[in-house]
Amino acid sequence: AIYAFREAAAKDPAPSMYELATMYETGTGFSKDMGQAVQLYRKSAHLGYAPAQLQVGLLYENGILVPKNETIKKRNTGCKRRLNKTTRKPVKF
């Protein structure tokens, strides 16, 4: 699976990084690694991929490997609404 994601990443890196991060987070296909998952979520979010932006917001909101931030929690609520109205297209902030 990792080879397929590497090939896909060459064409459209943000969604591939997001999916790979999800695999690291859940331990699907290889051992669970939250550090690697967070790093990939952040890279994908930086490229403007809305699901990754939401996930990074949730990581901040829940204090997973990053300091808990209530300001992010408030912004994240709006991000959830924008994401649900789209078809997984990037949301620019």
PDB file of N, CA and C in Angstrom:
ATOM      1  N   ALA A   1       0.822  -1.195   0.000  1.00  0.00           N
ATOM      2  CA  ALA A   1       0.000   0.000   0.000  1.00  0.00           C
ATOM      3  C   ALA A   1       0.870   1.265   0.000  1.00  0.00           C
ATOM      4  N   ILE A   2       1.969   1.205   0.709  1.00  0.00           N
ATOM      5  CA  ILE A   2       2.813   2.401   0.807  1.00  0.00           C
ATOM      6  C   ILE A   2       3.393   2.781  -0.552  1.00  0.00           C
ATOM      7  N   TYR A   3       3.666   1.798  -1.388  1.00  0.00           N
ATOM      8  CA  TYR A   3       4.199   2.096  -2.714  1.00  0.00           C
ATOM      9  C   TYR A   3       3.146   2.806  -3.570  1.00  0.00           C
ATOM     10  N   ALA A   4       1.894   2.385  -3.449  1.00  0.00           N
ATOM     11  CA  ALA A   4       0.810   3.021  -4.195  1.00  0.00           C
ATOM     12  C   ALA A   4       0.644   4.474  -3.762  1.00  0.00           C
ATOM     13  N   PHE A   5       0.769   4.733  -2.453  1.00  0.00           N
ATOM     14  CA  PHE A   5       0.644   6.102  -1.965  1.00  0.00           C
ATOM     15  C   PHE A   5       1.811   6.963  -2.424  1.00  0.00           C
ATOM     16  N   ARG A   6       2.981   6.391  -2.518  1.00  0.00           N
ATOM     17  CA  ARG A   6       4.136   7.158  -3.002  1.00  0.00           C
ATOM     18  C   ARG A   6       3.933   7.565  -4.456  1.00  0.00           C
ATOM     19  N   GLU A   7       3.396   6.656  -5.260  1.00  0.00           N
ATOM     20  CA  GLU A   7       3.121   6.976  -6.659  1.00  0.00           C
ATOM     21  C   GLU A   7       2.045   8.053  -6.753  1.00  0.00           C
ATOM     22  N   ALA A   8       0.993   7.913  -5.950  1.00  0.00           N
ATOM     23  CA  ALA A   8      -0.092   8.894  -5.953  1.00  0.00           C
ATOM     24  C   ALA A   8       0.400  10.256  -5.463  1.00  0.00           C
ATOM     25  N   ALA A   9       1.322  10.241  -4.520  1.00  0.00           N
ATOM     26  CA  ALA A   9       1.852  11.487  -3.965  1.00  0.00           C
ATOM     27  C   ALA A   9       2.571  12.305  -5.025  1.00  0.00           C
ATOM     28  N   ALA A  10       3.141  11.646  -5.998  1.00  0.00           N
ATOM     29  CA  ALA A  10       3.818  12.359  -7.071  1.00  0.00           C
ATOM     30  C   ALA A  10       2.821  13.133  -7.935  1.00  0.00           C
ATOM     31  N   LYS A  11       1.591  12.628  -8.036  1.00  0.00           N
ATOM     32  CA  LYS A  11       0.562  13.279  -8.852  1.00  0.00           C
ATOM     33  C   LYS A  11      -0.220  14.320  -8.065  1.00  0.00           C
ATOM     34  N   ASP A  12      -0.665  13.973  -6.875  1.00  0.00           N
ATOM     35  CA  ASP A  12      -1.475  14.864  -6.034  1.00  0.00           C
ATOM     36  C   ASP A  12      -1.100  14.588  -4.580  1.00  0.00           C
ATOM     37  N   PRO A  13      -0.070  15.271  -4.068  1.00  0.00           N
ATOM     38  CA  PRO A  13       0.510  14.893  -2.781  1.00  0.00           C
ATOM     39  C   PRO A  13      -0.376  15.084  -1.551  1.00  0.00           C
ATOM     40  N   ALA A  14      -1.195  16.117  -1.508  1.00  0.00           N
ATOM     41  CA  ALA A  14      -1.946  16.407  -0.285  1.00  0.00           C
ATOM     42  C   ALA A  14      -2.906  15.288   0.117  1.00  0.00           C
ATOM     43  N   PRO A  15      -3.773  14.802  -0.782  1.00  0.00           N
ATOM     44  CA  PRO A  15      -4.665  13.715  -0.381  1.00  0.00           C
ATOM     45  C   PRO A  15      -3.912  12.429  -0.026  1.00  0.00           C
ATOM     46  N   SER A  16      -2.831  12.161  -0.740  1.00  0.00           N
ATOM     47  CA  SER A  16      -2.040  10.955  -0.461  1.00  0.00           C
ATOM     48  C   SER A  16      -1.390  11.032   0.909  1.00  0.00           C
ATOM     49  N   MET A  17      -0.856  12.209   1.249  1.00  0.00           N
ATOM     50  CA  MET A  17      -0.258  12.378   2.576  1.00  0.00           C
ATOM     51  C   MET A  17      -1.304  12.208   3.664  1.00  0.00           C
ATOM     52  N   TYR A  18      -2.502  12.742   3.416  1.00  0.00           N
ATOM     53  CA  TYR A  18      -3.591  12.625   4.388  1.00  0.00           C
ATOM     54  C   TYR A  18      -3.951  11.157   4.618  1.00  0.00           C
ATOM     55  N   GLU A  19      -4.118  10.416   3.539  1.00  0.00           N
ATOM     56  CA  GLU A  19      -4.483   8.995   3.663  1.00  0.00           C
ATOM     57  C   GLU A  19      -3.372   8.199   4.346  1.00  0.00           C
ATOM     58  N   LEU A  20      -2.146   8.506   4.009  1.00  0.00           N
ATOM     59  CA  LEU A  20      -1.017   7.829   4.648  1.00  0.00           C
ATOM     60  C   LEU A  20      -0.965   8.170   6.146  1.00  0.00           C
ATOM     61  N   ALA A  21      -1.243   9.425   6.481  1.00  0.00           N
ATOM     62  CA  ALA A  21      -1.288   9.836   7.891  1.00  0.00           C
ATOM     63  C   ALA A  21      -2.362   9.064   8.642  1.00  0.00           C
ATOM     64  N   THR A  22      -3.513   8.884   8.007  1.00  0.00           N
ATOM     65  CA  THR A  22      -4.602   8.122   8.620  1.00  0.00           C
ATOM     66  C   THR A  22      -4.174   6.687   8.871  1.00  0.00           C
ATOM     67  N   MET A  23      -3.432   6.127   7.937  1.00  0.00           N
ATOM     68  CA  MET A  23      -2.940   4.755   8.106  1.00  0.00           C
ATOM     69  C   MET A  23      -1.968   4.676   9.281  1.00  0.00           C
ATOM     70  N   TYR A  24      -1.084   5.663   9.411  1.00  0.00           N
ATOM     71  CA  TYR A  24      -0.163   5.691  10.554  1.00  0.00           C
ATOM     72  C   TYR A  24      -0.930   5.863  11.868  1.00  0.00           C
ATOM     73  N   GLU A  25      -1.951   6.712  11.851  1.00  0.00           N
ATOM     74  CA  GLU A  25      -2.724   6.976  13.075  1.00  0.00           C
ATOM     75  C   GLU A  25      -3.466   5.728  13.559  1.00  0.00           C
ATOM     76  N   THR A  26      -4.014   4.985  12.625  1.00  0.00           N
ATOM     77  CA  THR A  26      -4.808   3.806  12.989  1.00  0.00           C
ATOM     78  C   THR A  26      -3.996   2.516  13.042  1.00  0.00           C
ATOM     79  N   GLY A  27      -2.802   2.543  12.474  1.00  0.00           N
ATOM     80  CA  GLY A  27      -1.985   1.330  12.436  1.00  0.00           C
ATOM     81  C   GLY A  27      -2.411   0.382  11.331  1.00  0.00           C
ATOM     82  N   THR A  28      -3.025   0.910  10.291  1.00  0.00           N
ATOM     83  CA  THR A  28      -3.475   0.098   9.163  1.00  0.00           C
ATOM     84  C   THR A  28      -2.317  -0.119   8.196  1.00  0.00           C
ATOM     85  N   GLY A  29      -1.919  -1.361   8.031  1.00  0.00           N
ATOM     86  CA  GLY A  29      -0.855  -1.678   7.092  1.00  0.00           C
ATOM     87  C   GLY A  29       0.532  -1.740   7.703  1.00  0.00           C
ATOM     88  N   PHE A  30       0.731  -1.059   8.817  1.00  0.00           N
ATOM     89  CA  PHE A  30       2.010  -1.092   9.523  1.00  0.00           C
ATOM     90  C   PHE A  30       1.776  -0.598  10.945  1.00  0.00           C
ATOM     91  N   SER A  31       2.829  -0.539  11.739  1.00  0.00           N
ATOM     92  CA  SER A  31       2.655  -0.188  13.151  1.00  0.00           C
ATOM     93  C   SER A  31       2.186   1.255  13.327  1.00  0.00           C
ATOM     94  N   LYS A  32       1.389   1.472  14.373  1.00  0.00           N
ATOM     95  CA  LYS A  32       0.836   2.782  14.693  1.00  0.00           C
ATOM     96  C   LYS A  32       1.965   3.746  15.060  1.00  0.00           C
ATOM     97  N   ASP A  33       1.933   4.962  14.478  1.00  0.00           N
ATOM     98  CA  ASP A  33       2.969   5.965  14.741  1.00  0.00           C
ATOM     99  C   ASP A  33       2.327   7.351  14.684  1.00  0.00           C
ATOM    100  N   MET A  34       1.883   7.862  15.834  1.00  0.00           N
ATOM    101  CA  MET A  34       1.207   9.157  15.880  1.00  0.00           C
ATOM    102  C   MET A  34       2.146  10.300  15.491  1.00  0.00           C
ATOM    103  N   GLY A  35       3.420  10.190  15.795  1.00  0.00           N
ATOM    104  CA  GLY A  35       4.373  11.231  15.412  1.00  0.00           C
ATOM    105  C   GLY A  35       4.433  11.403  13.903  1.00  0.00           C
ATOM    106  N   GLN A  36       4.514  10.295  13.203  1.00  0.00           N
ATOM    107  CA  GLN A  36       4.543  10.332  11.737  1.00  0.00           C
ATOM    108  C   GLN A  36       3.198  10.813  11.192  1.00  0.00           C
ATOM    109  N   ALA A  37       2.106  10.377  11.823  1.00  0.00           N
ATOM    110  CA  ALA A  37       0.776  10.800  11.390  1.00  0.00           C
ATOM    111  C   ALA A  37       0.627  12.311  11.501  1.00  0.00           C
ATOM    112  N   VAL A  38       1.029  12.871  12.627  1.00  0.00           N
ATOM    113  CA  VAL A  38       0.921  14.320  12.833  1.00  0.00           C
ATOM    114  C   VAL A  38       1.747  15.064  11.795  1.00  0.00           C
ATOM    115  N   GLN A  39       2.944  14.600  11.541  1.00  0.00           N
ATOM    116  CA  GLN A  39       3.817  15.253  10.564  1.00  0.00           C
ATOM    117  C   GLN A  39       3.168  15.262   9.176  1.00  0.00           C
ATOM    118  N   LEU A  40       2.582  14.141   8.769  1.00  0.00           N
ATOM    119  CA  LEU A  40       1.949  14.065   7.451  1.00  0.00           C
ATOM    120  C   LEU A  40       0.661  14.882   7.389  1.00  0.00           C
ATOM    121  N   TYR A  41      -0.129  14.874   8.469  1.00  0.00           N
ATOM    122  CA  TYR A  41      -1.330  15.716   8.504  1.00  0.00           C
ATOM    123  C   TYR A  41      -0.951  17.183   8.328  1.00  0.00           C
ATOM    124  N   ARG A  42       0.100  17.611   9.018  1.00  0.00           N
ATOM    125  CA  ARG A  42       0.528  19.014   8.924  1.00  0.00           C
ATOM    126  C   ARG A  42       0.986  19.363   7.511  1.00  0.00           C
ATOM    127  N   LYS A  43       1.747  18.487   6.880  1.00  0.00           N
ATOM    128  CA  LYS A  43       2.215  18.746   5.510  1.00  0.00           C
ATOM    129  C   LYS A  43       1.034  18.848   4.549  1.00  0.00           C
ATOM    130  N   SER A  44       0.088  17.933   4.679  1.00  0.00           N
ATOM    131  CA  SER A  44      -1.082  17.937   3.818  1.00  0.00           C
ATOM    132  C   SER A  44      -1.927  19.196   4.048  1.00  0.00           C
ATOM    133  N   ALA A  45      -2.079  19.585   5.301  1.00  0.00           N
ATOM    134  CA  ALA A  45      -2.835  20.795   5.636  1.00  0.00           C
ATOM    135  C   ALA A  45      -2.159  22.027   5.060  1.00  0.00           C
ATOM    136  N   HIS A  46      -0.846  22.060   5.118  1.00  0.00           N
ATOM    137  CA  HIS A  46      -0.087  23.197   4.586  1.00  0.00           C
ATOM    138  C   HIS A  46      -0.305  23.338   3.079  1.00  0.00           C
ATOM    139  N   LEU A  47      -0.562  22.233   2.402  1.00  0.00           N
ATOM    140  CA  LEU A  47      -0.826  22.266   0.962  1.00  0.00           C
ATOM    141  C   LEU A  47      -2.275  22.650   0.659  1.00  0.00           C
ATOM    142  N   GLY A  48      -3.072  22.881   1.705  1.00  0.00           N
ATOM    143  CA  GLY A  48      -4.437  23.357   1.507  1.00  0.00           C
ATOM    144  C   GLY A  48      -5.505  22.292   1.469  1.00  0.00           C
ATOM    145  N   TYR A  49      -5.189  21.072   1.875  1.00  0.00           N
ATOM    146  CA  TYR A  49      -6.174  19.987   1.830  1.00  0.00           C
ATOM    147  C   TYR A  49      -7.093  20.078   3.048  1.00  0.00           C
ATOM    148  N   ALA A  50      -8.381  20.369   2.820  1.00  0.00           N
ATOM    149  CA  ALA A  50      -9.339  20.651   3.893  1.00  0.00           C
ATOM    150  C   ALA A  50      -9.468  19.539   4.935  1.00  0.00           C
ATOM    151  N   PRO A  51      -9.567  18.254   4.557  1.00  0.00           N
ATOM    152  CA  PRO A  51      -9.663  17.219   5.589  1.00  0.00           C
ATOM    153  C   PRO A  51      -8.438  17.196   6.515  1.00  0.00           C
ATOM    154  N   ALA A  52      -7.273  17.473   5.960  1.00  0.00           N
ATOM    155  CA  ALA A  52      -6.056  17.517   6.783  1.00  0.00           C
ATOM    156  C   ALA A  52      -6.072  18.740   7.687  1.00  0.00           C
ATOM    157  N   GLN A  53      -6.568  19.862   7.175  1.00  0.00           N
ATOM    158  CA  GLN A  53      -6.681  21.057   8.003  1.00  0.00           C
ATOM    159  C   GLN A  53      -7.604  20.797   9.187  1.00  0.00           C
ATOM    160  N   LEU A  54      -8.697  20.106   8.922  1.00  0.00           N
ATOM    161  CA  LEU A  54      -9.619  19.740   9.999  1.00  0.00           C
ATOM    162  C   LEU A  54      -8.937  18.827  11.000  1.00  0.00           C
ATOM    163  N   GLN A  55      -8.208  17.834  10.517  1.00  0.00           N
ATOM    164  CA  GLN A  55      -7.547  16.876  11.409  1.00  0.00           C
ATOM    165  C   GLN A  55      -6.498  17.564  12.278  1.00  0.00           C
ATOM    166  N   VAL A  56      -5.740  18.470  11.706  1.00  0.00           N
ATOM    167  CA  VAL A  56      -4.751  19.218  12.498  1.00  0.00           C
ATOM    168  C   VAL A  56      -5.470  20.031  13.569  1.00  0.00           C
ATOM    169  N   GLY A  57      -6.588  20.642  13.200  1.00  0.00           N
ATOM    170  CA  GLY A  57      -7.382  21.374  14.180  1.00  0.00           C
ATOM    171  C   GLY A  57      -7.860  20.480  15.308  1.00  0.00           C
ATOM    172  N   LEU A  58      -8.290  19.273  14.967  1.00  0.00           N
ATOM    173  CA  LEU A  58      -8.735  18.320  15.990  1.00  0.00           C
ATOM    174  C   LEU A  58      -7.577  17.884  16.887  1.00  0.00           C
ATOM    175  N   LEU A  59      -6.401  17.735  16.307  1.00  0.00           N
ATOM    176  CA  LEU A  59      -5.230  17.364  17.109  1.00  0.00           C
ATOM    177  C   LEU A  59      -4.919  18.454  18.124  1.00  0.00           C
ATOM    178  N   TYR A  60      -5.009  19.704  17.687  1.00  0.00           N
ATOM    179  CA  TYR A  60      -4.802  20.820  18.619  1.00  0.00           C
ATOM    180  C   TYR A  60      -5.910  20.868  19.663  1.00  0.00           C
ATOM    181  N   GLU A  61      -7.137  20.717  19.201  1.00  0.00           N
ATOM    182  CA  GLU A  61      -8.290  20.796  20.092  1.00  0.00           C
ATOM    183  C   GLU A  61      -8.210  19.752  21.200  1.00  0.00           C
ATOM    184  N   ASN A  62      -7.779  18.562  20.845  1.00  0.00           N
ATOM    185  CA  ASN A  62      -7.722  17.455  21.805  1.00  0.00           C
ATOM    186  C   ASN A  62      -6.382  17.327  22.517  1.00  0.00           C
ATOM    187  N   GLY A  63      -5.417  18.156  22.138  1.00  0.00           N
ATOM    188  CA  GLY A  63      -4.116  18.134  22.804  1.00  0.00           C
ATOM    189  C   GLY A  63      -3.305  16.886  22.526  1.00  0.00           C
ATOM    190  N   ILE A  64      -3.457  16.314  21.338  1.00  0.00           N
ATOM    191  CA  ILE A  64      -2.723  15.097  20.972  1.00  0.00           C
ATOM    192  C   ILE A  64      -1.390  15.497  20.348  1.00  0.00           C
ATOM    193  N   LEU A  65      -0.304  15.260  21.054  1.00  0.00           N
ATOM    194  CA  LEU A  65       1.061  15.559  20.622  1.00  0.00           C
ATOM    195  C   LEU A  65       1.320  17.043  20.380  1.00  0.00           C
ATOM    196  N   VAL A  66       0.352  17.868  20.642  1.00  0.00           N
ATOM    197  CA  VAL A  66       0.509  19.308  20.526  1.00  0.00           C
ATOM    198  C   VAL A  66      -0.214  19.952  21.711  1.00  0.00           C
ATOM    199  N   PRO A  67       0.160  21.153  22.113  1.00  0.00           N
ATOM    200  CA  PRO A  67      -0.519  21.788  23.242  1.00  0.00           C
ATOM    201  C   PRO A  67      -2.000  22.022  22.942  1.00  0.00           C
ATOM    202  N   LYS A  68      -2.848  21.757  23.925  1.00  0.00           N
ATOM    203  CA  LYS A  68      -4.278  21.990  23.766  1.00  0.00           C
ATOM    204  C   LYS A  68      -4.529  23.483  23.625  1.00  0.00           C
ATOM    205  N   ASN A  69      -5.356  23.854  22.662  1.00  0.00           N
ATOM    206  CA  ASN A  69      -5.565  25.263  22.367  1.00  0.00           C
ATOM    207  C   ASN A  69      -7.058  25.524  22.169  1.00  0.00           C
ATOM    208  N   GLU A  70      -7.663  26.264  23.081  1.00  0.00           N
ATOM    209  CA  GLU A  70      -9.091  26.546  23.011  1.00  0.00           C
ATOM    210  C   GLU A  70      -9.434  27.475  21.848  1.00  0.00           C
ATOM    211  N   THR A  71      -8.510  28.358  21.441  1.00  0.00           N
ATOM    212  CA  THR A  71      -8.765  29.240  20.308  1.00  0.00           C
ATOM    213  C   THR A  71      -8.942  28.421  19.040  1.00  0.00           C
ATOM    214  N   ILE A  72      -8.096  27.423  18.861  1.00  0.00           N
ATOM    215  CA  ILE A  72      -8.211  26.534  17.703  1.00  0.00           C
ATOM    216  C   ILE A  72      -9.543  25.806  17.743  1.00  0.00           C
ATOM    217  N   LYS A  73      -9.985  25.421  18.926  1.00  0.00           N
ATOM    218  CA  LYS A  73     -11.248  24.703  19.063  1.00  0.00           C
ATOM    219  C   LYS A  73     -12.392  25.532  18.502  1.00  0.00           C
ATOM    220  N   LYS A  74     -12.398  26.828  18.787  1.00  0.00           N
ATOM    221  CA  LYS A  74     -13.455  27.704  18.288  1.00  0.00           C
ATOM    222  C   LYS A  74     -13.396  27.811  16.766  1.00  0.00           C
ATOM    223  N   ARG A  75     -12.219  27.963  16.207  1.00  0.00           N
ATOM    224  CA  ARG A  75     -12.070  28.063  14.749  1.00  0.00           C
ATOM    225  C   ARG A  75     -12.447  26.755  14.077  1.00  0.00           C
ATOM    226  N   ASN A  76     -12.137  25.645  14.715  1.00  0.00           N
ATOM    227  CA  ASN A  76     -12.369  24.326  14.151  1.00  0.00           C
ATOM    228  C   ASN A  76     -13.851  24.081  13.892  1.00  0.00           C
ATOM    229  N   THR A  77     -14.720  24.630  14.710  1.00  0.00           N
ATOM    230  CA  THR A  77     -16.150  24.461  14.526  1.00  0.00           C
ATOM    231  C   THR A  77     -16.571  24.994  13.165  1.00  0.00           C
ATOM    232  N   GLY A  78     -16.071  26.153  12.792  1.00  0.00           N
ATOM    233  CA  GLY A  78     -16.368  26.710  11.483  1.00  0.00           C
ATOM    234  C   GLY A  78     -15.774  25.875  10.367  1.00  0.00           C
ATOM    235  N   CYS A  79     -14.606  25.330  10.584  1.00  0.00           N
ATOM    236  CA  CYS A  79     -13.949  24.483   9.579  1.00  0.00           C
ATOM    237  C   CYS A  79     -14.784  23.242   9.313  1.00  0.00           C
ATOM    238  N   LYS A  80     -15.361  22.653  10.355  1.00  0.00           N
ATOM    239  CA  LYS A  80     -16.210  21.474  10.177  1.00  0.00           C
ATOM    240  C   LYS A  80     -17.389  21.801   9.286  1.00  0.00           C
ATOM    241  N   ARG A  81     -18.000  22.966   9.505  1.00  0.00           N
ATOM    242  CA  ARG A  81     -19.141  23.356   8.685  1.00  0.00           C
ATOM    243  C   ARG A  81     -18.733  23.526   7.222  1.00  0.00           C
ATOM    244  N   ARG A  82     -17.604  24.206   6.985  1.00  0.00           N
ATOM    245  CA  ARG A  82     -17.154  24.408   5.606  1.00  0.00           C
ATOM    246  C   ARG A  82     -16.811  23.088   4.944  1.00  0.00           C
ATOM    247  N   LEU A  83     -16.215  22.178   5.668  1.00  0.00           N
ATOM    248  CA  LEU A  83     -15.827  20.892   5.099  1.00  0.00           C
ATOM    249  C   LEU A  83     -17.060  20.083   4.722  1.00  0.00           C
ATOM    250  N   ASN A  84     -18.083  20.094   5.560  1.00  0.00           N
ATOM    251  CA  ASN A  84     -19.281  19.325   5.283  1.00  0.00           C
ATOM    252  C   ASN A  84     -20.044  19.840   4.075  1.00  0.00           C
ATOM    253  N   LYS A  85     -19.868  21.094   3.721  1.00  0.00           N
ATOM    254  CA  LYS A  85     -20.556  21.671   2.573  1.00  0.00           C
ATOM    255  C   LYS A  85     -19.777  21.470   1.277  1.00  0.00           C
ATOM    256  N   THR A  86     -18.579  20.952   1.377  1.00  0.00           N
ATOM    257  CA  THR A  86     -17.762  20.775   0.175  1.00  0.00           C
ATOM    258  C   THR A  86     -17.671  19.304  -0.175  1.00  0.00           C
ATOM    259  N   THR A  87     -17.044  19.043  -1.273  1.00  0.00           N
ATOM    260  CA  THR A  87     -16.799  17.659  -1.675  1.00  0.00           C
ATOM    261  C   THR A  87     -15.312  17.383  -1.536  1.00  0.00           C
ATOM    262  N   ARG A  88     -14.819  17.591  -0.344  1.00  0.00           N
ATOM    263  CA  ARG A  88     -13.427  17.342   0.011  1.00  0.00           C
ATOM    264  C   ARG A  88     -12.452  18.210  -0.795  1.00  0.00           C
ATOM    265  N   LYS A  89     -12.922  19.376  -1.231  1.00  0.00           N
ATOM    266  CA  LYS A  89     -12.025  20.282  -1.932  1.00  0.00           C
ATOM    267  C   LYS A  89     -11.336  21.169  -0.901  1.00  0.00           C
ATOM    268  N   PRO A  90     -10.117  21.601  -1.170  1.00  0.00           N
ATOM    269  CA  PRO A  90      -9.382  22.417  -0.211  1.00  0.00           C
ATOM    270  C   PRO A  90     -10.107  23.707   0.152  1.00  0.00           C
ATOM    271  N   VAL A  91     -10.015  24.043   1.416  1.00  0.00           N
ATOM    272  CA  VAL A  91     -10.567  25.293   1.913  1.00  0.00           C
ATOM    273  C   VAL A  91      -9.387  26.188   2.255  1.00  0.00           C
ATOM    274  N   LYS A  92      -9.324  27.355   1.662  1.00  0.00           N
ATOM    275  CA  LYS A  92      -8.246  28.295   1.953  1.00  0.00           C
ATOM    276  C   LYS A  92      -8.666  29.184   3.111  1.00  0.00           C
ATOM    277  N   PHE A  93      -7.789  29.346   4.070  1.00  0.00           N
ATOM    278  CA  PHE A  93      -8.076  30.206   5.224  1.00  0.00           C
ATOM    279  C   PHE A  93      -7.346  31.500   5.088  1.00  0.00           C
TER     280      PHE A  93
END
